[in-house]
Amino acid sequence: MPAIDPGRDRVLTNDEWLRISEELVKYGNPYVAPLACLMLETTMRSGEQLVSLLWRHINWTQRVIELPDAKSGTRKVPLGPGALHVLRQMRAHVPSPPQPDDMVFPITYEAAKKAWAVARERRGSRTSICMTCGTRPQPAFRSSSRAMCQCSWSSLGTRPCRCSCAM
């Protein structure tokens, strides 16, 4: 009988996430840090339509992302406070009010993947986690019921985020 593959049970440590997120904020593309934050807040992978997410896919009333092309039909991804914060910050920093068919993250998958690789390289991360993994930092990063970020979304000039992302 063949051996059972144990799979990958690896998550970013708090220190790794802080170091990588600082580099993502400094990276030349202002969309990579919020994209990584939304990935972590929703546990979605970047290949799971986040890089092609349109504003019309966000249902603010129900607090969900409605993925129309999911394998089993429309899929609703719940948006917690951190994810909502990321999306509100993105909406607040577009040059004009976003139109329903505008992309939330006007970035390609390849550009996001490159930014992640550059951030890992610059910060000396030993992790083998890739941009598409969707893993979350360890729960110890969160303080009480509300996580506090120690980074600022400096590329867009906003206040530090109160979620577990790099904004």
C-alpha atoms as a PDB file:
ATOM      1  CA  MET A   1       0.000   0.000   0.000  1.00  0.00           C
ATOM      2  CA  PRO A   2       1.424   3.448  -0.899  1.00  0.00           C
ATOM      3  CA  ALA A   3       2.400   5.833   1.887  1.00  0.00           C
ATOM      4  CA  ILE A   4      -0.125   8.528   2.721  1.00  0.00           C
ATOM      5  CA  ASP A   5       1.072  12.004   1.883  1.00  0.00           C
ATOM      6  CA  PRO A   6       0.840  14.025   5.112  1.00  0.00           C
ATOM      7  CA  GLY A   7       0.261  17.241   3.140  1.00  0.00           C
ATOM      8  CA  ARG A   8       1.547  20.616   4.157  1.00  0.00           C
ATOM      9  CA  ASP A   9       0.662  21.904   7.600  1.00  0.00           C
ATOM     10  CA  ARG A  10       2.844  25.000   7.582  1.00  0.00           C
ATOM     11  CA  VAL A  11       1.736  28.496   8.478  1.00  0.00           C
ATOM     12  CA  LEU A  12       3.619  31.750   8.533  1.00  0.00           C
ATOM     13  CA  THR A  13       4.969  32.657  11.919  1.00  0.00           C
ATOM     14  CA  ASN A  14       4.030  36.056  13.293  1.00  0.00           C
ATOM     15  CA  ASP A  15       7.578  37.279  12.762  1.00  0.00           C
ATOM     16  CA  GLU A  16       7.639  36.054   9.143  1.00  0.00           C
ATOM     17  CA  TRP A  17       4.331  37.775   8.382  1.00  0.00           C
ATOM     18  CA  LEU A  18       5.465  41.065   9.925  1.00  0.00           C
ATOM     19  CA  ARG A  19       8.742  41.018   7.983  1.00  0.00           C
ATOM     20  CA  ILE A  20       7.154  40.038   4.674  1.00  0.00           C
ATOM     21  CA  SER A  21       4.254  42.466   5.061  1.00  0.00           C
ATOM     22  CA  GLU A  22       6.670  45.349   5.629  1.00  0.00           C
ATOM     23  CA  GLU A  23       8.346  44.507   2.321  1.00  0.00           C
ATOM     24  CA  LEU A  24       5.016  44.200   0.527  1.00  0.00           C
ATOM     25  CA  VAL A  25       4.100  47.701   1.711  1.00  0.00           C
ATOM     26  CA  LYS A  26       7.430  49.020   0.374  1.00  0.00           C
ATOM     27  CA  TYR A  27       7.078  47.185  -2.941  1.00  0.00           C
ATOM     28  CA  GLY A  28       6.462  49.421  -5.974  1.00  0.00           C
ATOM     29  CA  ASN A  29       2.936  48.141  -6.595  1.00  0.00           C
ATOM     30  CA  PRO A  30       0.419  49.547  -4.084  1.00  0.00           C
ATOM     31  CA  TYR A  31      -1.999  46.633  -4.574  1.00  0.00           C
ATOM     32  CA  VAL A  32       0.152  43.730  -3.387  1.00  0.00           C
ATOM     33  CA  ALA A  33      -0.033  44.451   0.360  1.00  0.00           C
ATOM     34  CA  PRO A  34      -3.829  44.831   0.451  1.00  0.00           C
ATOM     35  CA  LEU A  35      -4.210  41.761  -1.774  1.00  0.00           C
ATOM     36  CA  ALA A  36      -2.092  39.688   0.619  1.00  0.00           C
ATOM     37  CA  CYS A  37      -4.080  41.065   3.560  1.00  0.00           C
ATOM     38  CA  LEU A  38      -7.393  40.155   1.962  1.00  0.00           C
ATOM     39  CA  MET A  39      -6.045  36.682   1.190  1.00  0.00           C
ATOM     40  CA  LEU A  40      -5.224  36.201   4.852  1.00  0.00           C
ATOM     41  CA  GLU A  41      -8.459  37.713   6.133  1.00  0.00           C
ATOM     42  CA  THR A  42     -10.662  35.578   3.863  1.00  0.00           C
ATOM     43  CA  THR A  43      -8.386  32.491   3.699  1.00  0.00           C
ATOM     44  CA  MET A  44      -8.760  32.673  -0.075  1.00  0.00           C
ATOM     45  CA  ARG A  45      -5.923  31.951  -2.449  1.00  0.00           C
ATOM     46  CA  SER A  46      -4.928  34.573  -4.993  1.00  0.00           C
ATOM     47  CA  GLY A  47      -5.818  32.182  -7.792  1.00  0.00           C
ATOM     48  CA  GLU A  48      -9.293  31.925  -6.289  1.00  0.00           C
ATOM     49  CA  GLN A  49     -10.516  34.968  -8.204  1.00  0.00           C
ATOM     50  CA  LEU A  50      -9.045  37.587  -5.886  1.00  0.00           C
ATOM     51  CA  VAL A  51      -6.778  38.976  -8.578  1.00  0.00           C
ATOM     52  CA  SER A  52      -9.799  39.299 -10.873  1.00  0.00           C
ATOM     53  CA  LEU A  53     -12.272  40.408  -8.191  1.00  0.00           C
ATOM     54  CA  LEU A  54     -14.708  43.077  -9.386  1.00  0.00           C
ATOM     55  CA  TRP A  55     -16.465  45.589  -7.158  1.00  0.00           C
ATOM     56  CA  ARG A  56     -19.831  44.106  -8.135  1.00  0.00           C
ATOM     57  CA  HIS A  57     -18.792  40.808  -6.514  1.00  0.00           C
ATOM     58  CA  ILE A  58     -18.789  42.474  -3.085  1.00  0.00           C
ATOM     59  CA  ASN A  59     -22.139  42.384  -1.323  1.00  0.00           C
ATOM     60  CA  TRP A  60     -21.704  45.029   1.389  1.00  0.00           C
ATOM     61  CA  THR A  61     -25.137  44.356   2.903  1.00  0.00           C
ATOM     62  CA  GLN A  62     -24.547  40.630   3.422  1.00  0.00           C
ATOM     63  CA  ARG A  63     -20.809  41.165   4.021  1.00  0.00           C
ATOM     64  CA  VAL A  64     -19.738  38.538   1.512  1.00  0.00           C
ATOM     65  CA  ILE A  65     -17.810  38.209  -1.717  1.00  0.00           C
ATOM     66  CA  GLU A  66     -20.021  36.458  -4.252  1.00  0.00           C
ATOM     67  CA  LEU A  67     -17.861  34.363  -6.566  1.00  0.00           C
ATOM     68  CA  PRO A  68     -19.979  33.709  -9.668  1.00  0.00           C
ATOM     69  CA  ASP A  69     -17.671  31.240 -11.406  1.00  0.00           C
ATOM     70  CA  ALA A  70     -17.029  28.871  -8.542  1.00  0.00           C
ATOM     71  CA  LYS A  71     -17.004  25.176  -9.455  1.00  0.00           C
ATOM     72  CA  SER A  72     -20.293  24.514  -7.699  1.00  0.00           C
ATOM     73  CA  GLY A  73     -22.022  27.693  -8.834  1.00  0.00           C
ATOM     74  CA  THR A  74     -22.073  30.962  -6.911  1.00  0.00           C
ATOM     75  CA  ARG A  75     -20.037  30.793  -3.738  1.00  0.00           C
ATOM     76  CA  LYS A  76     -20.266  33.306  -0.921  1.00  0.00           C
ATOM     77  CA  VAL A  77     -17.091  34.085   1.006  1.00  0.00           C
ATOM     78  CA  PRO A  78     -17.823  35.751   4.380  1.00  0.00           C
ATOM     79  CA  LEU A  79     -16.090  39.050   5.093  1.00  0.00           C
ATOM     80  CA  GLY A  80     -14.955  39.598   8.658  1.00  0.00           C
ATOM     81  CA  PRO A  81     -14.023  42.996  10.106  1.00  0.00           C
ATOM     82  CA  GLY A  82     -10.437  42.807   8.840  1.00  0.00           C
ATOM     83  CA  ALA A  83     -11.490  41.933   5.281  1.00  0.00           C
ATOM     84  CA  LEU A  84     -14.108  44.682   5.273  1.00  0.00           C
ATOM     85  CA  HIS A  85     -11.487  47.151   6.456  1.00  0.00           C
ATOM     86  CA  VAL A  86      -9.133  46.206   3.596  1.00  0.00           C
ATOM     87  CA  LEU A  87     -11.928  46.595   1.040  1.00  0.00           C
ATOM     88  CA  ARG A  88     -13.089  49.917   2.492  1.00  0.00           C
ATOM     89  CA  GLN A  89      -9.525  51.235   2.353  1.00  0.00           C
ATOM     90  CA  MET A  90      -9.235  50.118  -1.274  1.00  0.00           C
ATOM     91  CA  ARG A  91     -12.538  51.787  -2.151  1.00  0.00           C
ATOM     92  CA  ALA A  92     -11.508  55.007  -0.391  1.00  0.00           C
ATOM     93  CA  HIS A  93      -8.256  55.268  -2.355  1.00  0.00           C
ATOM     94  CA  VAL A  94      -9.402  54.813  -5.920  1.00  0.00           C
ATOM     95  CA  PRO A  95      -9.233  58.039  -7.978  1.00  0.00           C
ATOM     96  CA  SER A  96     -12.996  58.082  -8.592  1.00  0.00           C
ATOM     97  CA  PRO A  97     -15.875  56.052  -7.168  1.00  0.00           C
ATOM     98  CA  PRO A  98     -15.382  52.479  -8.382  1.00  0.00           C
ATOM     99  CA  GLN A  99     -17.723  51.214 -11.048  1.00  0.00           C
ATOM    100  CA  PRO A 100     -19.261  47.740 -10.658  1.00  0.00           C
ATOM    101  CA  ASP A 101     -17.078  46.266 -13.418  1.00  0.00           C
ATOM    102  CA  ASP A 102     -13.831  47.818 -12.141  1.00  0.00           C
ATOM    103  CA  MET A 103     -11.259  45.455 -10.693  1.00  0.00           C
ATOM    104  CA  VAL A 104     -10.657  45.755  -6.950  1.00  0.00           C
ATOM    105  CA  PHE A 105      -6.992  44.846  -7.465  1.00  0.00           C
ATOM    106  CA  PRO A 106      -5.831  45.957 -10.920  1.00  0.00           C
ATOM    107  CA  ILE A 107      -2.874  43.595 -10.785  1.00  0.00           C
ATOM    108  CA  THR A 108      -2.019  40.353 -12.529  1.00  0.00           C
ATOM    109  CA  TYR A 109      -1.464  37.076 -10.761  1.00  0.00           C
ATOM    110  CA  GLU A 110       2.122  37.028 -12.026  1.00  0.00           C
ATOM    111  CA  ALA A 111       2.795  40.523 -10.631  1.00  0.00           C
ATOM    112  CA  ALA A 112       1.406  39.497  -7.228  1.00  0.00           C
ATOM    113  CA  LYS A 113       3.456  36.306  -7.233  1.00  0.00           C
ATOM    114  CA  LYS A 114       6.630  38.243  -8.091  1.00  0.00           C
ATOM    115  CA  ALA A 115       6.010  40.796  -5.312  1.00  0.00           C
ATOM    116  CA  TRP A 116       5.551  37.955  -2.796  1.00  0.00           C
ATOM    117  CA  ALA A 117       8.782  36.286  -3.955  1.00  0.00           C
ATOM    118  CA  VAL A 118      10.715  39.576  -3.766  1.00  0.00           C
ATOM    119  CA  ALA A 119       9.358  40.300  -0.267  1.00  0.00           C
ATOM    120  CA  ARG A 120      10.322  36.799   0.910  1.00  0.00           C
ATOM    121  CA  GLU A 121      13.798  37.185  -0.562  1.00  0.00           C
ATOM    122  CA  ARG A 122      14.403  40.653   0.927  1.00  0.00           C
ATOM    123  CA  ARG A 123      13.306  39.610   4.393  1.00  0.00           C
ATOM    124  CA  GLY A 124      15.078  36.285   4.412  1.00  0.00           C
ATOM    125  CA  SER A 125      11.967  34.191   4.920  1.00  0.00           C
ATOM    126  CA  ARG A 126      12.813  30.496   5.079  1.00  0.00           C
ATOM    127  CA  THR A 127       9.228  29.499   4.478  1.00  0.00           C
ATOM    128  CA  SER A 128       8.256  27.606   1.352  1.00  0.00           C
ATOM    129  CA  ILE A 129       4.784  29.120   1.359  1.00  0.00           C
ATOM    130  CA  CYS A 130       3.825  30.593  -1.971  1.00  0.00           C
ATOM    131  CA  MET A 131       1.469  33.401  -2.929  1.00  0.00           C
ATOM    132  CA  THR A 132      -1.338  30.946  -3.640  1.00  0.00           C
ATOM    133  CA  CYS A 133      -1.234  29.124  -0.294  1.00  0.00           C
ATOM    134  CA  GLY A 134      -3.782  31.256   1.533  1.00  0.00           C
ATOM    135  CA  THR A 135      -2.490  30.286   4.980  1.00  0.00           C
ATOM    136  CA  ARG A 136      -2.950  32.620   7.922  1.00  0.00           C
ATOM    137  CA  PRO A 137      -0.470  33.841  10.512  1.00  0.00           C
ATOM    138  CA  GLN A 138      -0.593  31.900  13.750  1.00  0.00           C
ATOM    139  CA  PRO A 139      -3.430  32.952  16.091  1.00  0.00           C
ATOM    140  CA  ALA A 140      -0.959  34.361  18.623  1.00  0.00           C
ATOM    141  CA  PHE A 141      -0.641  37.408  16.329  1.00  0.00           C
ATOM    142  CA  ARG A 142      -4.112  38.499  17.332  1.00  0.00           C
ATOM    143  CA  SER A 143      -4.479  40.461  20.518  1.00  0.00           C
ATOM    144  CA  SER A 144      -7.746  40.055  22.426  1.00  0.00           C
ATOM    145  CA  SER A 145     -10.774  40.176  20.149  1.00  0.00           C
ATOM    146  CA  ARG A 146      -9.238  42.684  17.733  1.00  0.00           C
ATOM    147  CA  ALA A 147      -5.850  42.246  16.089  1.00  0.00           C
ATOM    148  CA  MET A 148      -3.532  45.216  15.905  1.00  0.00           C
ATOM    149  CA  CYS A 149      -1.249  45.690  12.950  1.00  0.00           C
ATOM    150  CA  GLN A 150       2.167  47.195  13.519  1.00  0.00           C
ATOM    151  CA  CYS A 151       2.685  48.305   9.923  1.00  0.00           C
ATOM    152  CA  SER A 152       1.205  51.200   7.991  1.00  0.00           C
ATOM    153  CA  TRP A 153      -0.142  51.247   4.514  1.00  0.00           C
ATOM    154  CA  SER A 154       2.384  53.987   3.795  1.00  0.00           C
ATOM    155  CA  SER A 155       2.230  53.714   0.031  1.00  0.00           C
ATOM    156  CA  LEU A 156      -1.290  55.135   0.160  1.00  0.00           C
ATOM    157  CA  GLY A 157      -0.764  57.374   3.169  1.00  0.00           C
ATOM    158  CA  THR A 158      -3.386  55.833   5.443  1.00  0.00           C
ATOM    159  CA  ARG A 159      -3.447  55.129   9.146  1.00  0.00           C
ATOM    160  CA  PRO A 160      -2.249  51.778  10.472  1.00  0.00           C
ATOM    161  CA  CYS A 161      -4.782  49.036  10.018  1.00  0.00           C
ATOM    162  CA  ARG A 162      -6.505  47.371  12.958  1.00  0.00           C
ATOM    163  CA  CYS A 163      -6.695  43.960  11.341  1.00  0.00           C
ATOM    164  CA  SER A 164      -4.019  41.291  11.060  1.00  0.00           C
ATOM    165  CA  CYS A 165      -2.759  42.553   7.739  1.00  0.00           C
ATOM    166  CA  ALA A 166       0.094  44.769   6.614  1.00  0.00           C
ATOM    167  CA  MET A 167      -2.060  47.809   6.048  1.00  0.00           C
END
